[in-house]
Amino acid sequence: MILLSHPTGNTFFRAAARAFYSAGMLREMHSSICWDQRSLISQFLPQQIARQLTRRSFADVPLHLQYSHPFNEIFRLVSSELHLSWLTRHEVGLFSVDAVYRSFDQKIAGRLSTLNGVRAVYCYEDCALSTFKVASTLGCRRIYDLPIGYWRSAQKIYSEERELKPDWSCTLTGLTDSPVKLARKDEELQLADLVIVPSHFVHSTLLSHHAILPPIVVIPFGSPPPRCDIPQRRPAGPLRVLYVGSLGQRKGLSYALDAVEMLGSQVSLTLIGRITSRECRPLMTAIDRHRWIETLPHHLILEQMREHDVLLLPSLFEGYALVISEALSQGLPVITTSNSGGSTVIRNCLEGFIVPIRDSKSIAVRLQQLVDNPDLHATMRLCCMNRAQELSWIGYEQGLVSNISTII
């Protein structure tokens, strides 16, 4: 039986919970907030708060298997909403993301020490160390989910980027990670019996820095069900380019903007994502110049994908960007890099294009191809739909169960 934990309960954590419960392998599932939509109080909450809490509900797992640890996370959310930045400051803030993760990890470790019948713990980067230490003393298997590339590779790329694009360096928050935080990541990895990663890119970043590692399994994230009503050809007018993600240089945003600039009026650009730093002048100029949407519910992001012609995500460092699979499900071709994890699922010139990192000219060439060749774009739309059908979340869940069953 597995104890599964993640502080914020994102899409792939939900899939893991669903997979382990369906397979009869889930002992307990832990998150900061496990919201019961059927509770009486939910009927009286303001709509905005109720919508936020709905994102923290887990309908596929029975309530008696769900455990919440809400105190620190609630104060983090409130502090962010009230713009109390000193309370959420990176690593040192009392209710920073790092503080929430550490506290959560300690609570799970305490819970594990009181449980019987747990054969494995499944934890995620930055919130596994205390749990893994207790699991080790109890003889439990330790499964480590690493959803983004290894930190040493990240630091190398970020440091290079700081020299290449100094105006954008303030958006590279990973450069401010302390030695203590980075050492903690390595301790987690060393204690793992099995590492789950979402892309070959993440796998390669681990291999480039370690001679001895636990077994690593690549299981790409799933895709929503593909849409059925694909337009045969894109409408007349500029190519509608969509960017979805945090607005910063880790996602290669400056290179996307430069490429769009090269094509001028032949393209239009929509940016969906939160600003990583208001001190970045070229970023603030970009959101004034292009259409910008700070945040949207998931179903409206999919709607925006249906209204655009191509997703542009030239990431410098990722694990596997979920928006890639989401774009495929909406018949939206993707221009991305190997470092986004996209080459694990995107076949170059079929569902989109794989371009080198930091190469605005290559991006512009691919955008121009889509502008000039409507037939190519229509063919890519169909390829995207077929690929999304192959990348279901059911396949992701089956991959987790089959690989983990071999070690517990």
Protein backbone atom coordinates (compact mmCIF):
# COMPACT_ATOMS: atom_id res chain seq x y z
CA MET A 1 0.00 0.00 0.00
CA ILE A 2 1.16 3.53 -0.86
CA LEU A 3 1.10 6.79 1.05
CA LEU A 4 0.89 9.56 -1.57
CA SER A 5 1.59 13.22 -0.79
CA HIS A 6 1.79 16.58 -2.54
CA PRO A 7 1.20 20.04 -0.99
CA THR A 8 -0.86 21.62 -3.77
CA GLY A 9 -2.52 18.74 -5.58
CA ASN A 10 -1.79 19.47 -9.24
CA THR A 11 -2.98 17.59 -12.32
CA PHE A 12 -0.40 14.80 -12.29
CA PHE A 13 -0.83 14.27 -8.53
CA ARG A 14 -4.55 13.81 -9.14
CA ALA A 15 -3.77 11.24 -11.80
CA ALA A 16 -1.45 9.38 -9.43
CA ALA A 17 -4.11 9.36 -6.69
CA ARG A 18 -6.70 8.07 -9.13
CA ALA A 19 -4.31 5.40 -10.42
CA PHE A 20 -3.31 4.04 -7.02
CA TYR A 21 -6.87 4.06 -5.69
CA SER A 22 -8.27 2.29 -8.76
CA ALA A 23 -5.53 -0.33 -8.47
CA GLY A 24 -6.29 -0.91 -4.78
CA MET A 25 -2.83 0.41 -3.82
CA LEU A 26 -3.69 3.66 -2.00
CA ARG A 27 -3.37 3.65 1.79
CA GLU A 28 -3.68 7.42 2.24
CA MET A 29 -3.53 10.58 0.13
CA HIS A 30 -2.23 13.82 1.67
CA SER A 31 -2.36 17.41 0.46
CA SER A 32 -2.46 20.83 2.09
CA ILE A 33 -6.13 21.25 1.25
CA CYS A 34 -8.47 18.41 0.33
CA TRP A 35 -11.74 20.22 -0.20
CA ASP A 36 -15.12 18.50 0.03
CA GLN A 37 -17.39 20.20 -2.52
CA ARG A 38 -20.41 18.60 -0.89
CA SER A 39 -19.77 20.18 2.51
CA LEU A 40 -22.42 22.52 3.88
CA ILE A 41 -20.04 25.46 4.15
CA SER A 42 -19.27 25.36 0.42
CA GLN A 43 -22.84 26.50 -0.30
CA PHE A 44 -22.29 29.80 1.55
CA LEU A 45 -18.82 30.75 0.33
CA PRO A 46 -18.27 33.63 -2.13
CA GLN A 47 -18.09 32.35 -5.67
CA GLN A 48 -14.44 33.29 -6.16
CA ILE A 49 -13.32 31.44 -3.03
CA ALA A 50 -15.49 28.43 -3.87
CA ARG A 51 -13.92 28.29 -7.33
CA GLN A 52 -10.42 28.35 -5.85
CA LEU A 53 -11.26 25.58 -3.40
CA THR A 54 -12.80 23.45 -6.12
CA ARG A 55 -9.30 23.19 -7.60
CA ARG A 56 -8.30 21.48 -4.35
CA SER A 57 -10.98 18.80 -4.43
CA PHE A 58 -10.30 15.16 -5.34
CA ALA A 59 -13.55 13.59 -6.45
CA ASP A 60 -11.92 10.35 -7.66
CA VAL A 61 -10.68 9.35 -4.18
CA PRO A 62 -13.00 8.58 -1.23
CA LEU A 63 -12.95 11.23 1.50
CA HIS A 64 -11.85 8.75 4.16
CA LEU A 65 -8.53 8.34 2.31
CA GLN A 66 -7.91 12.10 2.02
CA TYR A 67 -5.95 14.02 4.65
CA SER A 68 -5.50 17.80 4.76
CA HIS A 69 -2.75 19.90 6.37
CA PRO A 70 -4.09 23.37 5.62
CA PHE A 71 -2.68 25.86 8.13
CA ASN A 72 0.48 27.07 6.35
CA GLU A 73 -1.01 26.89 2.88
CA ILE A 74 -4.06 28.95 3.84
CA PHE A 75 -1.86 31.66 5.32
CA ARG A 76 0.31 31.60 2.21
CA LEU A 77 -2.71 32.11 -0.02
CA VAL A 78 -4.08 34.89 2.18
CA SER A 79 -0.67 36.61 2.35
CA SER A 80 -0.39 36.49 -1.42
CA GLU A 81 -3.90 37.86 -1.88
CA LEU A 82 -3.15 40.74 0.50
CA HIS A 83 0.24 41.38 -1.18
CA LEU A 84 2.13 40.77 2.08
CA SER A 85 5.29 39.91 0.18
CA TRP A 86 7.48 39.82 3.28
CA LEU A 87 5.52 36.78 4.47
CA THR A 88 5.89 34.90 1.17
CA ARG A 89 9.43 35.96 0.22
CA HIS A 90 11.38 33.18 -1.52
CA GLU A 91 12.61 30.62 1.04
CA VAL A 92 12.82 33.01 4.03
CA GLY A 93 9.18 34.14 4.32
CA LEU A 94 7.20 32.55 7.13
CA PHE A 95 4.60 31.42 4.57
CA SER A 96 6.81 31.09 1.50
CA VAL A 97 6.27 28.16 -0.84
CA ASP A 98 9.43 26.56 0.57
CA ALA A 99 8.20 26.94 4.15
CA VAL A 100 4.85 25.39 3.22
CA TYR A 101 6.60 22.46 1.54
CA ARG A 102 8.98 21.81 4.46
CA SER A 103 6.20 21.95 7.03
CA PHE A 104 4.01 19.68 4.93
CA ASP A 105 6.83 17.15 4.54
CA GLN A 106 7.38 17.07 8.29
CA LYS A 107 3.69 16.45 8.92
CA ILE A 108 3.64 13.54 6.47
CA ALA A 109 6.74 12.08 8.11
CA GLY A 110 5.02 12.27 11.50
CA ARG A 111 1.92 10.59 10.12
CA LEU A 112 3.94 7.82 8.45
CA SER A 113 5.62 6.91 11.73
CA THR A 114 2.20 6.02 13.22
CA LEU A 115 0.85 3.95 10.31
CA ASN A 116 0.84 0.23 9.68
CA GLY A 117 0.63 -1.47 6.30
CA VAL A 118 2.45 1.18 4.24
CA ARG A 119 4.89 -0.45 1.85
CA ALA A 120 5.88 2.65 -0.13
CA VAL A 121 5.74 6.43 -0.05
CA TYR A 122 5.31 8.46 -3.22
CA CYS A 123 6.58 12.03 -2.85
CA TYR A 124 7.56 14.98 -5.03
CA GLU A 125 10.62 17.21 -5.27
CA ASP A 126 11.16 19.64 -2.37
CA CYS A 127 8.67 17.91 -0.07
CA ALA A 128 10.11 14.42 0.32
CA LEU A 129 13.18 14.52 2.58
CA SER A 130 11.64 14.11 6.04
CA THR A 131 9.17 11.53 4.75
CA PHE A 132 11.93 9.56 3.01
CA LYS A 133 14.06 9.51 6.18
CA VAL A 134 11.23 8.03 8.23
CA ALA A 135 10.32 5.63 5.42
CA SER A 136 13.92 4.42 5.32
CA THR A 137 13.89 3.52 9.02
CA LEU A 138 10.56 1.69 8.54
CA GLY A 139 11.76 -0.29 5.52
CA CYS A 140 9.28 1.42 3.15
CA ARG A 141 10.10 1.90 -0.51
CA ARG A 142 10.69 5.51 -1.52
CA ILE A 143 9.38 6.70 -4.90
CA TYR A 144 10.50 10.16 -5.99
CA ASP A 145 8.61 12.14 -8.61
CA LEU A 146 10.86 14.73 -10.28
CA PRO A 147 8.61 16.82 -12.56
CA ILE A 148 11.35 19.23 -13.70
CA GLY A 149 14.98 18.83 -14.77
CA TYR A 150 17.79 18.35 -12.27
CA TRP A 151 18.83 21.54 -10.48
CA ARG A 152 22.49 21.51 -11.52
CA SER A 153 21.52 21.64 -15.18
CA ALA A 154 19.07 24.42 -14.37
CA GLN A 155 21.70 26.51 -12.61
CA LYS A 156 24.04 26.20 -15.59
CA ILE A 157 21.39 27.39 -18.05
CA TYR A 158 20.20 30.20 -15.78
CA SER A 159 23.75 31.46 -15.24
CA GLU A 160 24.38 31.49 -18.98
CA GLU A 161 21.12 33.31 -19.55
CA ARG A 162 21.98 35.97 -17.00
CA GLU A 163 24.99 36.86 -19.15
CA LEU A 164 23.16 36.61 -22.47
CA LYS A 165 19.98 38.48 -21.47
CA PRO A 166 20.75 40.58 -18.38
CA ASP A 167 17.50 42.56 -18.72
CA TRP A 168 15.58 39.32 -18.16
CA SER A 169 17.70 37.88 -15.34
CA CYS A 170 15.35 39.15 -12.61
CA THR A 171 12.72 36.69 -13.88
CA LEU A 172 15.00 33.68 -13.28
CA THR A 173 13.97 33.03 -9.69
CA GLY A 174 15.84 29.71 -9.63
CA LEU A 175 19.10 31.65 -9.41
CA THR A 176 18.17 32.69 -5.88
CA ASP A 177 17.85 29.15 -4.47
CA SER A 178 20.08 28.77 -1.43
CA PRO A 179 22.78 26.08 -1.04
CA VAL A 180 20.66 24.57 1.74
CA LYS A 181 17.66 24.15 -0.56
CA LEU A 182 19.79 22.67 -3.35
CA ALA A 183 21.49 20.24 -0.96
CA ARG A 184 18.05 19.14 0.22
CA LYS A 185 17.15 18.21 -3.36
CA ASP A 186 20.21 15.98 -3.57
CA GLU A 187 19.40 14.29 -0.26
CA GLU A 188 15.93 13.46 -1.53
CA LEU A 189 17.36 11.95 -4.69
CA GLN A 190 19.92 9.88 -2.78
CA LEU A 191 17.21 8.35 -0.58
CA ALA A 192 14.97 7.35 -3.50
CA ASP A 193 14.49 3.74 -4.62
CA LEU A 194 12.78 4.73 -7.88
CA VAL A 195 12.59 8.05 -9.75
CA ILE A 196 9.62 8.93 -11.97
CA VAL A 197 10.21 11.66 -14.58
CA PRO A 198 7.87 13.02 -17.29
CA SER A 199 10.34 13.40 -20.16
CA HIS A 200 13.60 12.26 -21.66
CA PHE A 201 14.94 15.76 -21.06
CA VAL A 202 14.60 15.37 -17.28
CA HIS A 203 16.21 11.93 -17.54
CA SER A 204 19.16 13.39 -19.44
CA THR A 205 19.76 16.14 -16.86
CA LEU A 206 20.11 13.50 -14.15
CA LEU A 207 22.47 11.34 -16.19
CA SER A 208 24.70 14.29 -17.03
CA HIS A 209 25.54 14.88 -13.36
CA HIS A 210 25.40 11.47 -11.66
CA ALA A 211 27.26 8.23 -12.30
CA ILE A 212 25.16 6.27 -9.79
CA LEU A 213 21.42 6.73 -9.65
CA PRO A 214 18.35 4.73 -8.62
CA PRO A 215 16.28 3.34 -11.52
CA ILE A 216 14.61 6.11 -13.55
CA VAL A 217 11.35 5.65 -15.46
CA VAL A 218 10.05 8.11 -18.05
CA ILE A 219 6.24 8.39 -18.01
CA PRO A 220 4.94 11.37 -20.03
CA PHE A 221 1.98 13.27 -18.65
CA GLY A 222 -1.38 12.62 -20.22
CA SER A 223 -3.60 14.72 -22.45
CA PRO A 224 -7.25 15.76 -22.08
CA PRO A 225 -9.66 14.00 -24.45
CA PRO A 226 -9.21 15.42 -27.97
CA ARG A 227 -11.86 17.73 -29.35
CA CYS A 228 -14.00 16.59 -32.24
CA ASP A 229 -14.71 19.80 -34.14
CA ILE A 230 -11.45 20.82 -35.78
CA PRO A 231 -11.73 23.54 -38.41
CA GLN A 232 -10.33 22.39 -41.73
CA ARG A 233 -8.34 25.56 -42.35
CA ARG A 234 -7.37 28.49 -40.19
CA PRO A 235 -9.28 31.72 -40.84
CA ALA A 236 -7.85 34.52 -42.95
CA GLY A 237 -5.73 37.14 -41.23
CA PRO A 238 -2.64 37.03 -39.05
CA LEU A 239 -1.41 33.74 -37.62
CA ARG A 240 -2.77 33.66 -34.06
CA VAL A 241 0.11 32.73 -31.75
CA LEU A 242 -0.55 31.69 -28.15
CA TYR A 243 1.90 31.57 -25.23
CA VAL A 244 0.77 29.95 -21.94
CA GLY A 245 2.99 29.86 -18.89
CA SER A 246 4.70 32.04 -16.32
CA LEU A 247 5.98 35.21 -17.98
CA GLY A 248 9.71 34.82 -17.53
CA GLN A 249 12.92 33.78 -19.16
CA ARG A 250 12.87 30.18 -17.94
CA LYS A 251 10.17 29.71 -20.55
CA GLY A 252 12.32 31.42 -23.21
CA LEU A 253 9.87 34.30 -23.45
CA SER A 254 12.31 36.88 -24.83
CA TYR A 255 13.07 34.58 -27.77
CA ALA A 256 9.36 34.14 -28.47
CA LEU A 257 8.88 37.91 -28.45
CA ASP A 258 11.85 38.46 -30.77
CA ALA A 259 10.50 35.90 -33.24
CA VAL A 260 7.05 37.46 -33.26
CA GLU A 261 8.65 40.85 -33.85
CA MET A 262 10.42 39.48 -36.95
CA LEU A 263 7.09 38.58 -38.58
CA GLY A 264 5.41 41.87 -37.81
CA SER A 265 1.76 42.12 -38.85
CA GLN A 266 1.71 38.56 -40.20
CA VAL A 267 1.14 37.28 -36.65
CA SER A 268 -0.72 38.29 -33.48
CA LEU A 269 0.34 37.19 -30.00
CA THR A 270 -1.65 36.36 -26.87
CA LEU A 271 0.20 35.90 -23.56
CA ILE A 272 -1.49 33.97 -20.74
CA GLY A 273 0.42 33.85 -17.47
CA ARG A 274 1.48 35.65 -14.33
CA ILE A 275 4.28 38.21 -14.36
CA THR A 276 7.41 36.85 -12.68
CA SER A 277 8.97 40.28 -12.06
CA ARG A 278 7.60 43.76 -12.65
CA GLU A 279 11.21 45.00 -12.59
CA CYS A 280 11.78 43.41 -16.02
CA ARG A 281 11.32 46.31 -18.43
CA PRO A 282 11.11 44.31 -21.69
CA LEU A 283 8.46 42.08 -20.09
CA MET A 284 6.35 45.03 -19.01
CA THR A 285 6.69 46.51 -22.50
CA ALA A 286 5.54 43.21 -24.02
CA ILE A 287 2.36 42.94 -21.95
CA ASP A 288 1.44 46.48 -22.97
CA ARG A 289 2.07 45.75 -26.64
CA HIS A 290 0.43 42.33 -26.94
CA ARG A 291 -2.81 40.86 -25.65
CA TRP A 292 -2.20 39.71 -22.07
CA ILE A 293 -4.40 37.61 -19.77
CA GLU A 294 -3.02 37.07 -16.27
CA THR A 295 -4.91 33.91 -15.37
CA LEU A 296 -7.82 31.77 -16.54
CA PRO A 297 -9.59 28.64 -15.31
CA HIS A 298 -8.46 25.51 -17.10
CA HIS A 299 -11.54 25.19 -19.31
CA LEU A 300 -11.08 28.75 -20.56
CA ILE A 301 -7.43 28.10 -21.37
CA LEU A 302 -8.57 25.22 -23.56
CA GLU A 303 -11.06 27.60 -25.15
CA GLN A 304 -8.27 30.05 -25.93
CA MET A 305 -6.32 27.20 -27.53
CA ARG A 306 -9.26 26.53 -29.82
CA GLU A 307 -9.21 30.18 -30.88
CA HIS A 308 -5.51 30.23 -31.82
CA ASP A 309 -3.39 28.67 -34.55
CA VAL A 310 -0.17 27.65 -32.78
CA LEU A 311 1.23 27.34 -29.26
CA LEU A 312 4.68 28.88 -28.87
CA LEU A 313 6.70 27.67 -25.87
CA PRO A 314 10.49 27.95 -26.46
CA SER A 315 11.41 26.92 -22.91
CA LEU A 316 14.99 26.93 -21.68
CA PHE A 317 14.28 24.59 -18.78
CA GLU A 318 11.24 22.47 -17.88
CA GLY A 319 10.27 18.95 -17.05
CA TYR A 320 7.31 18.45 -19.30
CA ALA A 321 5.02 21.42 -19.90
CA LEU A 322 1.43 20.22 -19.46
CA VAL A 323 0.20 22.91 -21.85
CA ILE A 324 1.81 20.93 -24.68
CA SER A 325 -0.52 17.95 -24.17
CA GLU A 326 -3.43 20.31 -23.66
CA ALA A 327 -2.64 22.04 -26.93
CA LEU A 328 -2.54 18.71 -28.76
CA SER A 329 -6.00 17.89 -27.42
CA GLN A 330 -7.36 21.07 -28.98
CA GLY A 331 -5.74 20.42 -32.36
CA LEU A 332 -3.19 23.19 -31.77
CA PRO A 333 0.28 22.66 -33.30
CA VAL A 334 3.20 23.41 -30.98
CA ILE A 335 6.53 25.14 -31.51
CA THR A 336 8.77 24.22 -28.60
CA THR A 337 12.25 23.02 -27.59
CA SER A 338 13.66 19.72 -26.36
CA ASN A 339 14.22 21.43 -23.00
CA SER A 340 10.46 21.80 -22.54
CA GLY A 341 10.17 18.02 -22.54
CA GLY A 342 8.14 18.40 -25.71
CA SER A 343 10.32 16.19 -27.86
CA THR A 344 9.14 13.23 -25.77
CA VAL A 345 5.72 13.54 -27.41
CA ILE A 346 5.99 16.08 -30.27
CA ARG A 347 7.29 14.62 -33.53
CA ASN A 348 9.10 17.31 -35.49
CA CYS A 349 7.09 18.54 -38.49
CA LEU A 350 4.08 16.41 -37.54
CA GLU A 351 2.43 17.86 -34.42
CA GLY A 352 4.60 20.94 -34.56
CA PHE A 353 8.26 21.88 -34.58
CA ILE A 354 11.16 21.30 -32.20
CA VAL A 355 13.55 24.26 -32.33
CA PRO A 356 16.88 24.87 -30.55
CA ILE A 357 16.82 26.89 -27.35
CA ARG A 358 17.69 30.59 -27.65
CA ASP A 359 17.02 30.63 -31.39
CA SER A 360 14.52 33.31 -32.36
CA LYS A 361 15.37 32.95 -36.05
CA SER A 362 14.43 29.27 -36.06
CA ILE A 363 11.15 30.11 -34.36
CA ALA A 364 10.45 32.83 -36.93
CA VAL A 365 11.18 30.40 -39.80
CA ARG A 366 8.65 27.91 -38.41
CA LEU A 367 6.03 30.59 -37.85
CA GLN A 368 6.53 31.76 -41.42
CA GLN A 369 5.97 28.20 -42.66
CA LEU A 370 2.59 28.14 -40.95
CA VAL A 371 1.73 31.56 -42.32
CA ASP A 372 2.62 30.55 -45.88
CA ASN A 373 1.24 27.02 -45.91
CA PRO A 374 -2.37 26.62 -44.68
CA ASP A 375 -2.41 23.00 -45.86
CA LEU A 376 0.55 22.15 -43.61
CA HIS A 377 -1.24 23.77 -40.69
CA ALA A 378 -4.43 21.80 -41.36
CA THR A 379 -2.46 18.54 -41.54
CA MET A 380 -0.72 19.32 -38.27
CA ARG A 381 -4.06 19.90 -36.59
CA LEU A 382 -5.13 16.35 -37.43
CA CYS A 383 -1.80 14.94 -36.26
CA CYS A 384 -2.24 16.75 -32.95
CA MET A 385 -5.64 15.17 -32.42
CA ASN A 386 -4.34 11.69 -33.14
CA ARG A 387 -1.37 12.19 -30.83
CA ALA A 388 -3.60 13.42 -28.02
CA GLN A 389 -5.64 10.24 -28.33
CA GLU A 390 -2.45 8.22 -27.73
CA LEU A 391 -1.41 10.33 -24.72
CA SER A 392 -4.41 9.80 -22.46
CA TRP A 393 -4.18 10.18 -18.70
CA ILE A 394 -5.27 6.56 -18.49
CA GLY A 395 -1.98 5.64 -20.15
CA TYR A 396 -0.07 7.72 -17.60
CA GLU A 397 -1.89 6.05 -14.74
CA GLN A 398 -1.26 2.57 -16.14
CA GLY A 399 2.43 3.42 -16.49
CA LEU A 400 2.63 4.43 -12.84
CA VAL A 401 0.87 1.32 -11.57
CA SER A 402 2.83 -1.13 -13.72
CA ASN A 403 6.24 0.31 -12.80
CA ILE A 404 5.56 0.74 -9.10
CA SER A 405 3.99 -2.70 -8.73
CA THR A 406 7.39 -4.20 -9.51
CA ILE A 407 9.09 -2.73 -6.43
CA ILE A 408 6.45 -3.03 -3.68
